[in-house]
Amino acid sequence: MISRTEKFNHYQKLLFASALLLLVGFVCSYVYFLNDTIHNVVERQKAETRIASIRGAVGELESRYIVLKDSITLDLASSLGFQTVQNPVFISRTALSKALSVNSVE
């Protein structure tokens, strides 16, 4: 027959093993989530660096666009073969039928 002391020692060992296993699980989870957090911070810094470089490139393109847009004149358009339209025709969309129609300006 198993005495109460032996039974208590058995439960105490089982409880200690369970607590140790739970502690190891918590430590492993902590290390995993810490590593994941550090990885996300590094990736965010890389993304912010890329965003900054792309914004710089967009700013350069916008300034080039403005310079090119301002350099277009009627003389340049005429030299490239564009002509002034005498009777312009505009296309408009009707709200109800969403069909295109031709309207002439007289």
Foldseek 3Di string as FASTA:
>chain_A
DDDPVNVVVVVVVVVVVVVVVVVVVVVVVVVVVVVVVVVVVVVVVVVVVVVVVVVVVVVVVVVVVVVVVVVDDPVVCVVVPDDDDDKDWDWDADDPPRDIDIDTDD
